[in-house]
Amino acid sequence: MMLTAHFIFSLSSGAYSLFRLFRDEPTLIKNCINGSDSKVVISNCKQEMTLTKWVIVALFSVVWLVEICASSFPSPNNLADYYIYQGAVLL
């Protein structure tokens, strides 16, 4: 139950974070450029934002997949109940 609640909280907070990241992208790039006219600075800021988005999406995806996989295993506290329920003999 606690893992499910944590996953729901993680999913909702992560979705909000991704929403804000993609929504605020022009502002973040503008803050990075900081009034510079250099094409190199502008290009670097845009590339950094693209990289940041990829990394954040990848990290959230990995964390969510780990949480989903972890929820399929029984918790150590309920391990005996799990084995009894499955019909196995617990020694």
PDB file of N, CA and C in Angstrom:
ATOM      1  N   MET A   1       0.815  -1.190   0.000  1.00  0.00           N
ATOM      2  CA  MET A   1       0.000   0.000   0.000  1.00  0.00           C
ATOM      3  C   MET A   1       0.867   1.265   0.000  1.00  0.00           C
ATOM      4  N   MET A   2       1.886   1.236   0.845  1.00  0.00           N
ATOM      5  CA  MET A   2       2.753   2.408   0.940  1.00  0.00           C
ATOM      6  C   MET A   2       3.526   2.631  -0.358  1.00  0.00           C
ATOM      7  N   LEU A   3       3.935   1.537  -1.003  1.00  0.00           N
ATOM      8  CA  LEU A   3       4.651   1.657  -2.271  1.00  0.00           C
ATOM      9  C   LEU A   3       3.743   2.233  -3.347  1.00  0.00           C
ATOM     10  N   THR A   4       2.478   1.842  -3.321  1.00  0.00           N
ATOM     11  CA  THR A   4       1.516   2.378  -4.286  1.00  0.00           C
ATOM     12  C   THR A   4       1.322   3.874  -4.069  1.00  0.00           C
ATOM     13  N   ALA A   5       1.187   4.278  -2.819  1.00  0.00           N
ATOM     14  CA  ALA A   5       1.028   5.702  -2.516  1.00  0.00           C
ATOM     15  C   ALA A   5       2.273   6.482  -2.942  1.00  0.00           C
ATOM     16  N   HIS A   6       3.434   5.909  -2.690  1.00  0.00           N
ATOM     17  CA  HIS A   6       4.674   6.572  -3.084  1.00  0.00           C
ATOM     18  C   HIS A   6       4.765   6.682  -4.601  1.00  0.00           C
ATOM     19  N   PHE A   7       4.369   5.627  -5.305  1.00  0.00           N
ATOM     20  CA  PHE A   7       4.408   5.657  -6.772  1.00  0.00           C
ATOM     21  C   PHE A   7       3.447   6.702  -7.324  1.00  0.00           C
ATOM     22  N   ILE A   8       2.263   6.792  -6.757  1.00  0.00           N
ATOM     23  CA  ILE A   8       1.293   7.791  -7.217  1.00  0.00           C
ATOM     24  C   ILE A   8       1.827   9.198  -6.970  1.00  0.00           C
ATOM     25  N   PHE A   9       2.421   9.429  -5.801  1.00  0.00           N
ATOM     26  CA  PHE A   9       3.008  10.733  -5.505  1.00  0.00           C
ATOM     27  C   PHE A   9       4.168  11.031  -6.451  1.00  0.00           C
ATOM     28  N   SER A  10       5.014  10.023  -6.692  1.00  0.00           N
ATOM     29  CA  SER A  10       6.154  10.201  -7.598  1.00  0.00           C
ATOM     30  C   SER A  10       5.695  10.495  -9.012  1.00  0.00           C
ATOM     31  N   LEU A  11       4.689   9.787  -9.460  1.00  0.00           N
ATOM     32  CA  LEU A  11       4.170   9.993 -10.810  1.00  0.00           C
ATOM     33  C   LEU A  11       3.554  11.379 -10.969  1.00  0.00           C
ATOM     34  N   SER A  12       2.782  11.799  -9.978  1.00  0.00           N
ATOM     35  CA  SER A  12       2.147  13.117 -10.086  1.00  0.00           C
ATOM     36  C   SER A  12       3.152  14.259  -9.969  1.00  0.00           C
ATOM     37  N   SER A  13       4.089  14.150  -9.050  1.00  0.00           N
ATOM     38  CA  SER A  13       5.091  15.215  -8.918  1.00  0.00           C
ATOM     39  C   SER A  13       6.035  15.229 -10.119  1.00  0.00           C
ATOM     40  N   GLY A  14       6.359  14.060 -10.644  1.00  0.00           N
ATOM     41  CA  GLY A  14       7.199  13.994 -11.833  1.00  0.00           C
ATOM     42  C   GLY A  14       6.504  14.556 -13.061  1.00  0.00           C
ATOM     43  N   ALA A  15       5.215  14.255 -13.192  1.00  0.00           N
ATOM     44  CA  ALA A  15       4.457  14.789 -14.325  1.00  0.00           C
ATOM     45  C   ALA A  15       4.390  16.310 -14.249  1.00  0.00           C
ATOM     46  N   TYR A  16       4.194  16.832 -13.045  1.00  0.00           N
ATOM     47  CA  TYR A  16       4.165  18.290 -12.884  1.00  0.00           C
ATOM     48  C   TYR A  16       5.532  18.906 -13.200  1.00  0.00           C
ATOM     49  N   SER A  17       6.585  18.253 -12.748  1.00  0.00           N
ATOM     50  CA  SER A  17       7.938  18.749 -13.031  1.00  0.00           C
ATOM     51  C   SER A  17       8.226  18.759 -14.522  1.00  0.00           C
ATOM     52  N   LEU A  18       7.834  17.702 -15.207  1.00  0.00           N
ATOM     53  CA  LEU A  18       8.032  17.654 -16.663  1.00  0.00           C
ATOM     54  C   LEU A  18       7.189  18.705 -17.368  1.00  0.00           C
ATOM     55  N   PHE A  19       5.958  18.882 -16.901  1.00  0.00           N
ATOM     56  CA  PHE A  19       5.092  19.911 -17.470  1.00  0.00           C
ATOM     57  C   PHE A  19       5.739  21.288 -17.346  1.00  0.00           C
ATOM     58  N   ARG A  20       6.252  21.594 -16.151  1.00  0.00           N
ATOM     59  CA  ARG A  20       6.890  22.895 -15.933  1.00  0.00           C
ATOM     60  C   ARG A  20       8.166  23.038 -16.762  1.00  0.00           C
ATOM     61  N   LEU A  21       8.943  21.972 -16.869  1.00  0.00           N
ATOM     62  CA  LEU A  21      10.177  22.027 -17.649  1.00  0.00           C
ATOM     63  C   LEU A  21       9.885  22.346 -19.111  1.00  0.00           C
ATOM     64  N   PHE A  22       8.907  21.660 -19.688  1.00  0.00           N
ATOM     65  CA  PHE A  22       8.601  21.886 -21.100  1.00  0.00           C
ATOM     66  C   PHE A  22       7.859  23.202 -21.306  1.00  0.00           C
ATOM     67  N   ARG A  23       7.043  23.597 -20.361  1.00  0.00           N
ATOM     68  CA  ARG A  23       6.286  24.847 -20.485  1.00  0.00           C
ATOM     69  C   ARG A  23       7.193  26.067 -20.338  1.00  0.00           C
ATOM     70  N   ASP A  24       8.147  25.992 -19.434  1.00  0.00           N
ATOM     71  CA  ASP A  24       9.021  27.127 -19.147  1.00  0.00           C
ATOM     72  C   ASP A  24      10.299  27.123 -19.981  1.00  0.00           C
ATOM     73  N   GLU A  25      10.379  26.269 -20.972  1.00  0.00           N
ATOM     74  CA  GLU A  25      11.602  26.170 -21.778  1.00  0.00           C
ATOM     75  C   GLU A  25      12.033  27.502 -22.379  1.00  0.00           C
ATOM     76  N   PRO A  26      11.142  28.293 -23.025  1.00  0.00           N
ATOM     77  CA  PRO A  26      11.603  29.574 -23.585  1.00  0.00           C
ATOM     78  C   PRO A  26      12.175  30.518 -22.531  1.00  0.00           C
ATOM     79  N   THR A  27      11.570  30.549 -21.363  1.00  0.00           N
ATOM     80  CA  THR A  27      12.071  31.413 -20.287  1.00  0.00           C
ATOM     81  C   THR A  27      13.425  30.934 -19.797  1.00  0.00           C
ATOM     82  N   LEU A  28      13.580  29.632 -19.660  1.00  0.00           N
ATOM     83  CA  LEU A  28      14.853  29.094 -19.191  1.00  0.00           C
ATOM     84  C   LEU A  28      15.973  29.353 -20.202  1.00  0.00           C
ATOM     85  N   ILE A  29      15.660  29.218 -21.470  1.00  0.00           N
ATOM     86  CA  ILE A  29      16.667  29.512 -22.502  1.00  0.00           C
ATOM     87  C   ILE A  29      17.002  30.999 -22.494  1.00  0.00           C
ATOM     88  N   LYS A  30      15.990  31.846 -22.348  1.00  0.00           N
ATOM     89  CA  LYS A  30      16.232  33.293 -22.306  1.00  0.00           C
ATOM     90  C   LYS A  30      17.106  33.661 -21.109  1.00  0.00           C
ATOM     91  N   ASN A  31      16.862  33.043 -19.962  1.00  0.00           N
ATOM     92  CA  ASN A  31      17.692  33.298 -18.779  1.00  0.00           C
ATOM     93  C   ASN A  31      19.123  32.801 -18.995  1.00  0.00           C
ATOM     94  N   CYS A  32      19.265  31.698 -19.702  1.00  0.00           N
ATOM     95  CA  CYS A  32      20.604  31.173 -19.994  1.00  0.00           C
ATOM     96  C   CYS A  32      21.363  32.113 -20.928  1.00  0.00           C
ATOM     97  N   ILE A  33      20.668  32.605 -21.957  1.00  0.00           N
ATOM     98  CA  ILE A  33      21.307  33.509 -22.920  1.00  0.00           C
ATOM     99  C   ILE A  33      21.708  34.811 -22.247  1.00  0.00           C
ATOM    100  N   ASN A  34      20.849  35.329 -21.371  1.00  0.00           N
ATOM    101  CA  ASN A  34      21.141  36.502 -20.549  1.00  0.00           C
ATOM    102  C   ASN A  34      21.557  37.712 -21.387  1.00  0.00           C
ATOM    103  N   GLY A  35      20.847  37.932 -22.498  1.00  0.00           N
ATOM    104  CA  GLY A  35      21.096  39.117 -23.306  1.00  0.00           C
ATOM    105  C   GLY A  35      22.278  39.035 -24.245  1.00  0.00           C
ATOM    106  N   SER A  36      22.915  37.900 -24.335  1.00  0.00           N
ATOM    107  CA  SER A  36      24.069  37.750 -25.215  1.00  0.00           C
ATOM    108  C   SER A  36      23.624  37.667 -26.673  1.00  0.00           C
ATOM    109  N   ASP A  37      24.436  38.243 -27.554  1.00  0.00           N
ATOM    110  CA  ASP A  37      24.159  38.175 -28.987  1.00  0.00           C
ATOM    111  C   ASP A  37      24.995  37.103 -29.679  1.00  0.00           C
ATOM    112  N   SER A  38      25.837  36.443 -28.924  1.00  0.00           N
ATOM    113  CA  SER A  38      26.731  35.436 -29.488  1.00  0.00           C
ATOM    114  C   SER A  38      25.931  34.205 -29.940  1.00  0.00           C
ATOM    115  N   LYS A  39      26.165  33.801 -31.161  1.00  0.00           N
ATOM    116  CA  LYS A  39      25.483  32.617 -31.684  1.00  0.00           C
ATOM    117  C   LYS A  39      25.922  31.354 -30.954  1.00  0.00           C
ATOM    118  N   VAL A  40      27.150  31.363 -30.467  1.00  0.00           N
ATOM    119  CA  VAL A  40      27.657  30.210 -29.728  1.00  0.00           C
ATOM    120  C   VAL A  40      26.905  30.050 -28.411  1.00  0.00           C
ATOM    121  N   VAL A  41      26.704  31.157 -27.707  1.00  0.00           N
ATOM    122  CA  VAL A  41      25.979  31.117 -26.436  1.00  0.00           C
ATOM    123  C   VAL A  41      24.541  30.662 -26.664  1.00  0.00           C
ATOM    124  N   ILE A  42      23.892  31.214 -27.667  1.00  0.00           N
ATOM    125  CA  ILE A  42      22.507  30.853 -27.967  1.00  0.00           C
ATOM    126  C   ILE A  42      22.408  29.369 -28.326  1.00  0.00           C
ATOM    127  N   SER A  43      23.322  28.911 -29.155  1.00  0.00           N
ATOM    128  CA  SER A  43      23.330  27.503 -29.549  1.00  0.00           C
ATOM    129  C   SER A  43      23.583  26.588 -28.357  1.00  0.00           C
ATOM    130  N   ASN A  44      24.549  26.962 -27.506  1.00  0.00           N
ATOM    131  CA  ASN A  44      24.850  26.158 -26.322  1.00  0.00           C
ATOM    132  C   ASN A  44      23.664  26.095 -25.365  1.00  0.00           C
ATOM    133  N   CYS A  45      22.985  27.205 -25.171  1.00  0.00           N
ATOM    134  CA  CYS A  45      21.831  27.217 -24.270  1.00  0.00           C
ATOM    135  C   CYS A  45      20.718  26.319 -24.794  1.00  0.00           C
ATOM    136  N   LYS A  46      20.483  26.361 -26.086  1.00  0.00           N
ATOM    137  CA  LYS A  46      19.447  25.504 -26.675  1.00  0.00           C
ATOM    138  C   LYS A  46      19.837  24.031 -26.586  1.00  0.00           C
ATOM    139  N   GLN A  47      21.107  23.729 -26.829  1.00  0.00           N
ATOM    140  CA  GLN A  47      21.576  22.344 -26.725  1.00  0.00           C
ATOM    141  C   GLN A  47      21.516  21.850 -25.283  1.00  0.00           C
ATOM    142  N   GLU A  48      21.866  22.704 -24.341  1.00  0.00           N
ATOM    143  CA  GLU A  48      21.803  22.324 -22.929  1.00  0.00           C
ATOM    144  C   GLU A  48      20.373  22.050 -22.495  1.00  0.00           C
ATOM    145  N   MET A  49      19.421  22.837 -23.003  1.00  0.00           N
ATOM    146  CA  MET A  49      18.018  22.617 -22.654  1.00  0.00           C
ATOM    147  C   MET A  49      17.529  21.293 -23.236  1.00  0.00           C
ATOM    148  N   THR A  50      17.929  20.987 -24.451  1.00  0.00           N
ATOM    149  CA  THR A  50      17.554  19.710 -25.062  1.00  0.00           C
ATOM    150  C   THR A  50      18.136  18.545 -24.260  1.00  0.00           C
ATOM    151  N   LEU A  51      19.398  18.655 -23.888  1.00  0.00           N
ATOM    152  CA  LEU A  51      20.037  17.613 -23.091  1.00  0.00           C
ATOM    153  C   LEU A  51      19.364  17.477 -21.726  1.00  0.00           C
ATOM    154  N   THR A  52      19.052  18.598 -21.113  1.00  0.00           N
ATOM    155  CA  THR A  52      18.395  18.577 -19.805  1.00  0.00           C
ATOM    156  C   THR A  52      17.055  17.862 -19.891  1.00  0.00           C
ATOM    157  N   LYS A  53      16.282  18.156 -20.920  1.00  0.00           N
ATOM    158  CA  LYS A  53      14.981  17.505 -21.072  1.00  0.00           C
ATOM    159  C   LYS A  53      15.134  15.994 -21.244  1.00  0.00           C
ATOM    160  N   TRP A  54      16.084  15.567 -22.069  1.00  0.00           N
ATOM    161  CA  TRP A  54      16.307  14.145 -22.277  1.00  0.00           C
ATOM    162  C   TRP A  54      16.722  13.453 -20.976  1.00  0.00           C
ATOM    163  N   VAL A  55      17.632  14.067 -20.242  1.00  0.00           N
ATOM    164  CA  VAL A  55      18.125  13.463 -19.003  1.00  0.00           C
ATOM    165  C   VAL A  55      17.007  13.367 -17.970  1.00  0.00           C
ATOM    166  N   ILE A  56      16.233  14.422 -17.807  1.00  0.00           N
ATOM    167  CA  ILE A  56      15.154  14.420 -16.818  1.00  0.00           C
ATOM    168  C   ILE A  56      14.096  13.379 -17.172  1.00  0.00           C
ATOM    169  N   VAL A  57      13.707  13.317 -18.434  1.00  0.00           N
ATOM    170  CA  VAL A  57      12.711  12.322 -18.860  1.00  0.00           C
ATOM    171  C   VAL A  57      13.255  10.906 -18.640  1.00  0.00           C
ATOM    172  N   ALA A  58      14.513  10.681 -18.972  1.00  0.00           N
ATOM    173  CA  ALA A  58      15.117   9.361 -18.782  1.00  0.00           C
ATOM    174  C   ALA A  58      15.179   8.983 -17.304  1.00  0.00           C
ATOM    175  N   LEU A  59      15.572   9.926 -16.452  1.00  0.00           N
ATOM    176  CA  LEU A  59      15.650   9.637 -15.018  1.00  0.00           C
ATOM    177  C   LEU A  59      14.287   9.316 -14.432  1.00  0.00           C
ATOM    178  N   PHE A  60      13.291  10.122 -14.747  1.00  0.00           N
ATOM    179  CA  PHE A  60      11.948   9.838 -14.254  1.00  0.00           C
ATOM    180  C   PHE A  60      11.464   8.477 -14.753  1.00  0.00           C
ATOM    181  N   SER A  61      11.720   8.164 -16.011  1.00  0.00           N
ATOM    182  CA  SER A  61      11.275   6.888 -16.571  1.00  0.00           C
ATOM    183  C   SER A  61      11.933   5.712 -15.857  1.00  0.00           C
ATOM    184  N   VAL A  62      13.230   5.804 -15.607  1.00  0.00           N
ATOM    185  CA  VAL A  62      13.942   4.730 -14.917  1.00  0.00           C
ATOM    186  C   VAL A  62      13.412   4.560 -13.495  1.00  0.00           C
ATOM    187  N   VAL A  63      13.218   5.652 -12.793  1.00  0.00           N
ATOM    188  CA  VAL A  63      12.714   5.573 -11.417  1.00  0.00           C
ATOM    189  C   VAL A  63      11.320   4.963 -11.400  1.00  0.00           C
ATOM    190  N   TRP A  64      10.465   5.387 -12.327  1.00  0.00           N
ATOM    191  CA  TRP A  64       9.107   4.835 -12.364  1.00  0.00           C
ATOM    192  C   TRP A  64       9.118   3.357 -12.721  1.00  0.00           C
ATOM    193  N   LEU A  65       9.975   2.945 -13.644  1.00  0.00           N
ATOM    194  CA  LEU A  65      10.070   1.520 -13.983  1.00  0.00           C
ATOM    195  C   LEU A  65      10.575   0.694 -12.806  1.00  0.00           C
ATOM    196  N   VAL A  66      11.537   1.212 -12.067  1.00  0.00           N
ATOM    197  CA  VAL A  66      12.034   0.507 -10.879  1.00  0.00           C
ATOM    198  C   VAL A  66      10.917   0.371  -9.849  1.00  0.00           C
ATOM    199  N   GLU A  67      10.142   1.428  -9.653  1.00  0.00           N
ATOM    200  CA  GLU A  67       9.053   1.350  -8.690  1.00  0.00           C
ATOM    201  C   GLU A  67       7.979   0.365  -9.135  1.00  0.00           C
ATOM    202  N   ILE A  68       7.692   0.326 -10.420  1.00  0.00           N
ATOM    203  CA  ILE A  68       6.704  -0.630 -10.922  1.00  0.00           C
ATOM    204  C   ILE A  68       7.216  -2.056 -10.744  1.00  0.00           C
ATOM    205  N   CYS A  69       8.479  -2.288 -11.076  1.00  0.00           N
ATOM    206  CA  CYS A  69       9.059  -3.628 -10.908  1.00  0.00           C
ATOM    207  C   CYS A  69       9.128  -4.030  -9.440  1.00  0.00           C
ATOM    208  N   ALA A  70       9.458  -3.094  -8.592  1.00  0.00           N
ATOM    209  CA  ALA A  70       9.559  -3.387  -7.157  1.00  0.00           C
ATOM    210  C   ALA A  70       8.199  -3.735  -6.570  1.00  0.00           C
ATOM    211  N   SER A  71       7.144  -3.172  -7.119  1.00  0.00           N
ATOM    212  CA  SER A  71       5.822  -3.460  -6.574  1.00  0.00           C
ATOM    213  C   SER A  71       5.354  -4.864  -6.921  1.00  0.00           C
ATOM    214  N   SER A  72       5.997  -5.512  -7.885  1.00  0.00           N
ATOM    215  CA  SER A  72       5.592  -6.867  -8.251  1.00  0.00           C
ATOM    216  C   SER A  72       6.207  -7.919  -7.333  1.00  0.00           C
ATOM    217  N   PHE A  73       7.177  -7.538  -6.505  1.00  0.00           N
ATOM    218  CA  PHE A  73       7.787  -8.465  -5.565  1.00  0.00           C
ATOM    219  C   PHE A  73       7.143  -8.305  -4.195  1.00  0.00           C
ATOM    220  N   PRO A  74       7.021  -9.399  -3.441  1.00  0.00           N
ATOM    221  CA  PRO A  74       6.428  -9.267  -2.099  1.00  0.00           C
ATOM    222  C   PRO A  74       7.384  -8.562  -1.149  1.00  0.00           C
ATOM    223  N   SER A  75       6.825  -7.839  -0.219  1.00  0.00           N
ATOM    224  CA  SER A  75       7.665  -7.181   0.776  1.00  0.00           C
ATOM    225  C   SER A  75       8.183  -8.225   1.759  1.00  0.00           C
ATOM    226  N   PRO A  76       9.335  -8.011   2.385  1.00  0.00           N
ATOM    227  CA  PRO A  76       9.880  -8.994   3.334  1.00  0.00           C
ATOM    228  C   PRO A  76       8.938  -9.270   4.503  1.00  0.00           C
ATOM    229  N   ASN A  77       8.133  -8.304   4.912  1.00  0.00           N
ATOM    230  CA  ASN A  77       7.223  -8.502   6.034  1.00  0.00           C
ATOM    231  C   ASN A  77       6.114  -9.488   5.690  1.00  0.00           C
ATOM    232  N   ASN A  78       5.709  -9.514   4.451  1.00  0.00           N
ATOM    233  CA  ASN A  78       4.612 -10.381   4.036  1.00  0.00           C
ATOM    234  C   ASN A  78       5.091 -11.580   3.229  1.00  0.00           C
ATOM    235  N   LEU A  79       6.370 -11.887   3.291  1.00  0.00           N
ATOM    236  CA  LEU A  79       6.932 -12.962   2.490  1.00  0.00           C
ATOM    237  C   LEU A  79       6.342 -14.312   2.874  1.00  0.00           C
ATOM    238  N   ALA A  80       6.194 -14.580   4.172  1.00  0.00           N
ATOM    239  CA  ALA A  80       5.634 -15.857   4.614  1.00  0.00           C
ATOM    240  C   ALA A  80       4.200 -16.002   4.129  1.00  0.00           C
ATOM    241  N   ASP A  81       3.414 -14.948   4.230  1.00  0.00           N
ATOM    242  CA  ASP A  81       2.036 -14.997   3.745  1.00  0.00           C
ATOM    243  C   ASP A  81       2.006 -15.235   2.248  1.00  0.00           C
ATOM    244  N   TYR A  82       2.946 -14.657   1.533  1.00  0.00           N
ATOM    245  CA  TYR A  82       3.003 -14.817   0.083  1.00  0.00           C
ATOM    246  C   TYR A  82       3.270 -16.273  -0.280  1.00  0.00           C
ATOM    247  N   TYR A  83       4.225 -16.897   0.388  1.00  0.00           N
ATOM    248  CA  TYR A  83       4.556 -18.285   0.079  1.00  0.00           C
ATOM    249  C   TYR A  83       3.425 -19.224   0.488  1.00  0.00           C
ATOM    250  N   ILE A  84       2.788 -18.961   1.606  1.00  0.00           N
ATOM    251  CA  ILE A  84       1.650 -19.787   2.017  1.00  0.00           C
ATOM    252  C   ILE A  84       0.514 -19.635   1.017  1.00  0.00           C
ATOM    253  N   TYR A  85       0.299 -18.406   0.568  1.00  0.00           N
ATOM    254  CA  TYR A  85      -0.768 -18.163  -0.402  1.00  0.00           C
ATOM    255  C   TYR A  85      -0.492 -18.875  -1.718  1.00  0.00           C
ATOM    256  N   GLN A  86       0.751 -18.952  -2.112  1.00  0.00           N
ATOM    257  CA  GLN A  86       1.112 -19.604  -3.371  1.00  0.00           C
ATOM    258  C   GLN A  86       1.112 -21.125  -3.234  1.00  0.00           C
ATOM    259  N   GLY A  87       0.955 -21.638  -2.030  1.00  0.00           N
ATOM    260  CA  GLY A  87       0.903 -23.075  -1.824  1.00  0.00           C
ATOM    261  C   GLY A  87       2.263 -23.704  -1.610  1.00  0.00           C
ATOM    262  N   ALA A  88       3.296 -22.925  -1.459  1.00  0.00           N
ATOM    263  CA  ALA A  88       4.627 -23.471  -1.229  1.00  0.00           C
ATOM    264  C   ALA A  88       4.815 -23.751   0.251  1.00  0.00           C
ATOM    265  N   VAL A  89       5.692 -24.671   0.549  1.00  0.00           N
ATOM    266  CA  VAL A  89       5.989 -25.003   1.933  1.00  0.00           C
ATOM    267  C   VAL A  89       7.118 -24.113   2.390  1.00  0.00           C
ATOM    268  N   LEU A  90       6.902 -23.394   3.485  1.00  0.00           N
ATOM    269  CA  LEU A  90       7.917 -22.487   4.015  1.00  0.00           C
ATOM    270  C   LEU A  90       8.619 -23.189   5.170  1.00  0.00           C
ATOM    271  N   LEU A  91       9.913 -23.398   5.060  1.00  0.00           N
ATOM    272  CA  LEU A  91      10.688 -24.062   6.094  1.00  0.00           C
ATOM    273  C   LEU A  91      11.290 -23.085   7.054  1.00  0.00           C
TER     274      LEU A  91
END
